[in-house]
């Protein structure tokens, strides 16, 4: 087996492990509904400031706008990728803007986004290995963190 093929197979073998580590111990409960004007204000800032970042870094797994890589046509890879996307969207689906479809209240979703960004677990390492440039930059982190902090105020 040549080296590039061996590296590719080794990376594919890490796919399920990375996702399991990225989504451990999360609840799936909904809290009380939030007032519509607060959600509209949060969504407006999301669309303006954060959505462009998420489109580049998160939408492949957390939306209906997946850009499939060439290796997604391979049977084993296809099954793993489809499973990862389904699992990711069950946690947070960015397809329809804020509030996101997922397993938590808008407040819980914001807390989870903040935690994931601060801990560098999203995008998962195994995704970043195969998709260079997908790591969230310090500037992007600051933008996301500022949006979360501002968005949490009307939700508390």
C-alpha atoms as a PDB file:
ATOM      1  CA  UNK A   1       0.000   0.000   0.000  1.00  0.00           C
ATOM      2  CA  UNK A   2       1.453   3.392  -0.920  1.00  0.00           C
ATOM      3  CA  UNK A   3       1.916   6.078   1.751  1.00  0.00           C
ATOM      4  CA  UNK A   4      -0.880   8.516   0.692  1.00  0.00           C
ATOM      5  CA  UNK A   5      -3.445   5.717   0.667  1.00  0.00           C
ATOM      6  CA  UNK A   6      -2.252   4.455   4.072  1.00  0.00           C
ATOM      7  CA  UNK A   7      -2.474   7.973   5.546  1.00  0.00           C
ATOM      8  CA  UNK A   8      -5.960   8.416   4.109  1.00  0.00           C
ATOM      9  CA  UNK A   9      -7.152   5.120   5.603  1.00  0.00           C
ATOM     10  CA  UNK A  10      -5.605   6.001   8.969  1.00  0.00           C
ATOM     11  CA  UNK A  11      -7.412   9.356   8.987  1.00  0.00           C
ATOM     12  CA  UNK A  12     -10.723   7.744   8.062  1.00  0.00           C
ATOM     13  CA  UNK A  13     -10.335   5.348  10.962  1.00  0.00           C
ATOM     14  CA  UNK A  14     -10.299   8.337  13.343  1.00  0.00           C
ATOM     15  CA  UNK A  15     -13.621   9.733  12.110  1.00  0.00           C
ATOM     16  CA  UNK A  16     -16.017   8.115  14.617  1.00  0.00           C
ATOM     17  CA  UNK A  17     -13.700   8.664  17.589  1.00  0.00           C
ATOM     18  CA  UNK A  18     -13.458  12.422  16.973  1.00  0.00           C
ATOM     19  CA  UNK A  19     -17.195  12.861  16.892  1.00  0.00           C
ATOM     20  CA  UNK A  20     -17.758  10.863  20.069  1.00  0.00           C
ATOM     21  CA  UNK A  21     -15.225  13.015  21.893  1.00  0.00           C
ATOM     22  CA  UNK A  22     -16.787  16.236  20.579  1.00  0.00           C
ATOM     23  CA  UNK A  23     -20.330  15.520  21.790  1.00  0.00           C
ATOM     24  CA  UNK A  24     -20.078  13.876  25.175  1.00  0.00           C
ATOM     25  CA  UNK A  25     -22.565  14.254  28.036  1.00  0.00           C
ATOM     26  CA  UNK A  26     -25.033  16.682  26.458  1.00  0.00           C
ATOM     27  CA  UNK A  27     -28.636  16.934  27.591  1.00  0.00           C
ATOM     28  CA  UNK A  28     -31.534  16.947  25.158  1.00  0.00           C
ATOM     29  CA  UNK A  29     -34.099  19.040  27.016  1.00  0.00           C
ATOM     30  CA  UNK A  30     -36.025  22.130  25.896  1.00  0.00           C
ATOM     31  CA  UNK A  31     -36.532  25.108  28.208  1.00  0.00           C
ATOM     32  CA  UNK A  32     -39.317  27.687  28.210  1.00  0.00           C
ATOM     33  CA  UNK A  33     -39.898  29.595  24.949  1.00  0.00           C
ATOM     34  CA  UNK A  34     -38.214  32.962  24.481  1.00  0.00           C
ATOM     35  CA  UNK A  35     -39.987  36.116  23.295  1.00  0.00           C
ATOM     36  CA  UNK A  36     -39.954  36.593  19.502  1.00  0.00           C
ATOM     37  CA  UNK A  37     -38.476  40.144  19.511  1.00  0.00           C
ATOM     38  CA  UNK A  38     -35.427  38.926  21.449  1.00  0.00           C
ATOM     39  CA  UNK A  39     -34.943  36.044  19.037  1.00  0.00           C
ATOM     40  CA  UNK A  40     -35.243  38.361  16.014  1.00  0.00           C
ATOM     41  CA  UNK A  41     -32.581  40.676  17.431  1.00  0.00           C
ATOM     42  CA  UNK A  42     -30.238  37.754  18.124  1.00  0.00           C
ATOM     43  CA  UNK A  43     -30.884  36.305  14.664  1.00  0.00           C
ATOM     44  CA  UNK A  44     -30.170  39.626  12.974  1.00  0.00           C
ATOM     45  CA  UNK A  45     -26.750  39.828  14.645  1.00  0.00           C
ATOM     46  CA  UNK A  46     -26.149  36.150  13.858  1.00  0.00           C
ATOM     47  CA  UNK A  47     -26.830  36.640  10.145  1.00  0.00           C
ATOM     48  CA  UNK A  48     -24.626  39.731  10.006  1.00  0.00           C
ATOM     49  CA  UNK A  49     -21.654  38.615  12.124  1.00  0.00           C
ATOM     50  CA  UNK A  50     -21.574  34.876  12.779  1.00  0.00           C
ATOM     51  CA  UNK A  51     -23.339  33.063   9.962  1.00  0.00           C
ATOM     52  CA  UNK A  52     -20.516  33.762   7.461  1.00  0.00           C
ATOM     53  CA  UNK A  53     -18.096  32.057   9.864  1.00  0.00           C
ATOM     54  CA  UNK A  54     -20.404  29.101  10.427  1.00  0.00           C
ATOM     55  CA  UNK A  55     -20.945  28.744   6.674  1.00  0.00           C
ATOM     56  CA  UNK A  56     -17.192  28.287   6.187  1.00  0.00           C
ATOM     57  CA  UNK A  57     -16.464  26.241   9.306  1.00  0.00           C
ATOM     58  CA  UNK A  58     -19.627  24.429  10.430  1.00  0.00           C
ATOM     59  CA  UNK A  59     -22.222  24.073   7.687  1.00  0.00           C
ATOM     60  CA  UNK A  60     -20.745  20.901   6.161  1.00  0.00           C
ATOM     61  CA  UNK A  61     -22.005  18.951   9.176  1.00  0.00           C
ATOM     62  CA  UNK A  62     -24.501  21.270  10.885  1.00  0.00           C
ATOM     63  CA  UNK A  63     -26.762  22.276   7.965  1.00  0.00           C
ATOM     64  CA  UNK A  64     -28.388  21.082   4.797  1.00  0.00           C
ATOM     65  CA  UNK A  65     -25.608  22.763   2.794  1.00  0.00           C
ATOM     66  CA  UNK A  66     -22.971  20.030   2.982  1.00  0.00           C
ATOM     67  CA  UNK A  67     -20.068  20.280   0.524  1.00  0.00           C
ATOM     68  CA  UNK A  68     -19.050  16.670   0.133  1.00  0.00           C
ATOM     69  CA  UNK A  69     -15.358  15.866  -0.393  1.00  0.00           C
ATOM     70  CA  UNK A  70     -14.229  13.561  -3.190  1.00  0.00           C
ATOM     71  CA  UNK A  71     -13.793  10.630  -0.830  1.00  0.00           C
ATOM     72  CA  UNK A  72     -17.477  10.763   0.198  1.00  0.00           C
ATOM     73  CA  UNK A  73     -18.153   8.561  -2.810  1.00  0.00           C
ATOM     74  CA  UNK A  74     -16.231   5.692  -1.233  1.00  0.00           C
ATOM     75  CA  UNK A  75     -18.659   3.270   0.465  1.00  0.00           C
ATOM     76  CA  UNK A  76     -17.162   3.218   3.974  1.00  0.00           C
ATOM     77  CA  UNK A  77     -16.396   6.925   3.978  1.00  0.00           C
ATOM     78  CA  UNK A  78     -19.904   7.769   2.710  1.00  0.00           C
ATOM     79  CA  UNK A  79     -21.545   5.806   5.523  1.00  0.00           C
ATOM     80  CA  UNK A  80     -19.348   7.441   8.152  1.00  0.00           C
ATOM     81  CA  UNK A  81     -19.829  10.965   6.771  1.00  0.00           C
ATOM     82  CA  UNK A  82     -23.607  10.605   6.516  1.00  0.00           C
ATOM     83  CA  UNK A  83     -23.726   9.298  10.094  1.00  0.00           C
ATOM     84  CA  UNK A  84     -21.606  12.207  11.334  1.00  0.00           C
ATOM     85  CA  UNK A  85     -23.826  14.741   9.561  1.00  0.00           C
ATOM     86  CA  UNK A  86     -27.004  13.186  10.946  1.00  0.00           C
ATOM     87  CA  UNK A  87     -25.554  13.177  14.462  1.00  0.00           C
ATOM     88  CA  UNK A  88     -24.229  16.749  14.161  1.00  0.00           C
ATOM     89  CA  UNK A  89     -27.575  18.085  12.965  1.00  0.00           C
ATOM     90  CA  UNK A  90     -29.364  16.357  15.849  1.00  0.00           C
ATOM     91  CA  UNK A  91     -27.245  18.475  18.218  1.00  0.00           C
ATOM     92  CA  UNK A  92     -27.368  21.750  16.291  1.00  0.00           C
ATOM     93  CA  UNK A  93     -28.783  22.445  12.845  1.00  0.00           C
ATOM     94  CA  UNK A  94     -27.862  25.886  11.483  1.00  0.00           C
ATOM     95  CA  UNK A  95     -30.010  25.488   8.346  1.00  0.00           C
ATOM     96  CA  UNK A  96     -32.749  27.929   9.392  1.00  0.00           C
ATOM     97  CA  UNK A  97     -30.785  30.555  11.327  1.00  0.00           C
ATOM     98  CA  UNK A  98     -31.356  31.411  15.008  1.00  0.00           C
ATOM     99  CA  UNK A  99     -32.949  29.910  17.034  1.00  0.00           C
ATOM    100  CA  UNK A 100     -31.271  26.767  15.806  1.00  0.00           C
ATOM    101  CA  UNK A 101     -32.933  23.404  15.640  1.00  0.00           C
ATOM    102  CA  UNK A 102     -31.246  21.122  18.086  1.00  0.00           C
ATOM    103  CA  UNK A 103     -31.534  19.460  21.432  1.00  0.00           C
ATOM    104  CA  UNK A 104     -31.503  22.484  23.698  1.00  0.00           C
ATOM    105  CA  UNK A 105     -33.174  25.784  24.359  1.00  0.00           C
ATOM    106  CA  UNK A 106     -31.742  28.847  22.583  1.00  0.00           C
ATOM    107  CA  UNK A 107     -29.811  29.644  25.787  1.00  0.00           C
ATOM    108  CA  UNK A 108     -28.438  26.095  25.999  1.00  0.00           C
ATOM    109  CA  UNK A 109     -27.476  26.162  22.325  1.00  0.00           C
ATOM    110  CA  UNK A 110     -25.541  29.396  22.847  1.00  0.00           C
ATOM    111  CA  UNK A 111     -23.776  27.942  25.882  1.00  0.00           C
ATOM    112  CA  UNK A 112     -22.836  24.847  23.886  1.00  0.00           C
ATOM    113  CA  UNK A 113     -21.527  26.936  20.991  1.00  0.00           C
ATOM    114  CA  UNK A 114     -19.441  29.005  23.411  1.00  0.00           C
ATOM    115  CA  UNK A 115     -18.071  25.911  25.136  1.00  0.00           C
ATOM    116  CA  UNK A 116     -17.227  24.236  21.822  1.00  0.00           C
ATOM    117  CA  UNK A 117     -15.484  27.326  20.472  1.00  0.00           C
ATOM    118  CA  UNK A 118     -13.500  27.982  23.651  1.00  0.00           C
ATOM    119  CA  UNK A 119     -12.354  24.355  23.904  1.00  0.00           C
ATOM    120  CA  UNK A 120     -11.430  24.093  20.188  1.00  0.00           C
ATOM    121  CA  UNK A 121     -13.468  20.906  19.830  1.00  0.00           C
ATOM    122  CA  UNK A 122     -15.378  22.237  16.844  1.00  0.00           C
ATOM    123  CA  UNK A 123     -14.731  21.529  14.123  1.00  0.00           C
ATOM    124  CA  UNK A 124     -13.392  18.197  15.382  1.00  0.00           C
ATOM    125  CA  UNK A 125      -9.709  17.476  14.823  1.00  0.00           C
ATOM    126  CA  UNK A 126     -10.369  14.659  12.366  1.00  0.00           C
ATOM    127  CA  UNK A 127     -12.413  17.108  10.237  1.00  0.00           C
ATOM    128  CA  UNK A 128      -9.683  19.771  10.399  1.00  0.00           C
ATOM    129  CA  UNK A 129      -7.075  17.228   9.284  1.00  0.00           C
ATOM    130  CA  UNK A 130      -9.014  16.556   6.098  1.00  0.00           C
ATOM    131  CA  UNK A 131     -10.225  20.147   5.578  1.00  0.00           C
ATOM    132  CA  UNK A 132      -7.326  22.534   5.929  1.00  0.00           C
ATOM    133  CA  UNK A 133      -8.346  26.028   6.949  1.00  0.00           C
ATOM    134  CA  UNK A 134     -11.454  24.867   8.797  1.00  0.00           C
ATOM    135  CA  UNK A 135     -10.100  25.665  12.268  1.00  0.00           C
ATOM    136  CA  UNK A 136     -11.782  28.679  13.843  1.00  0.00           C
ATOM    137  CA  UNK A 137      -9.293  31.566  13.923  1.00  0.00           C
ATOM    138  CA  UNK A 138      -8.774  33.759  17.013  1.00  0.00           C
ATOM    139  CA  UNK A 139     -10.619  36.610  15.275  1.00  0.00           C
ATOM    140  CA  UNK A 140     -13.547  34.330  14.422  1.00  0.00           C
ATOM    141  CA  UNK A 141     -13.590  33.035  17.998  1.00  0.00           C
ATOM    142  CA  UNK A 142     -13.780  36.603  19.296  1.00  0.00           C
ATOM    143  CA  UNK A 143     -16.686  37.382  16.961  1.00  0.00           C
ATOM    144  CA  UNK A 144     -18.596  34.254  18.013  1.00  0.00           C
ATOM    145  CA  UNK A 145     -17.906  34.842  21.714  1.00  0.00           C
ATOM    146  CA  UNK A 146     -19.061  38.471  21.488  1.00  0.00           C
ATOM    147  CA  UNK A 147     -22.262  37.419  19.701  1.00  0.00           C
ATOM    148  CA  UNK A 148     -22.978  34.717  22.300  1.00  0.00           C
ATOM    149  CA  UNK A 149     -22.360  37.123  25.192  1.00  0.00           C
ATOM    150  CA  UNK A 150     -24.639  39.781  23.694  1.00  0.00           C
ATOM    151  CA  UNK A 151     -27.286  37.185  22.782  1.00  0.00           C
ATOM    152  CA  UNK A 152     -27.403  35.677  26.262  1.00  0.00           C
ATOM    153  CA  UNK A 153     -28.472  38.976  27.879  1.00  0.00           C
ATOM    154  CA  UNK A 154     -32.103  38.984  26.644  1.00  0.00           C
ATOM    155  CA  UNK A 155     -32.412  35.217  27.177  1.00  0.00           C
ATOM    156  CA  UNK A 156     -31.621  35.276  30.905  1.00  0.00           C
END
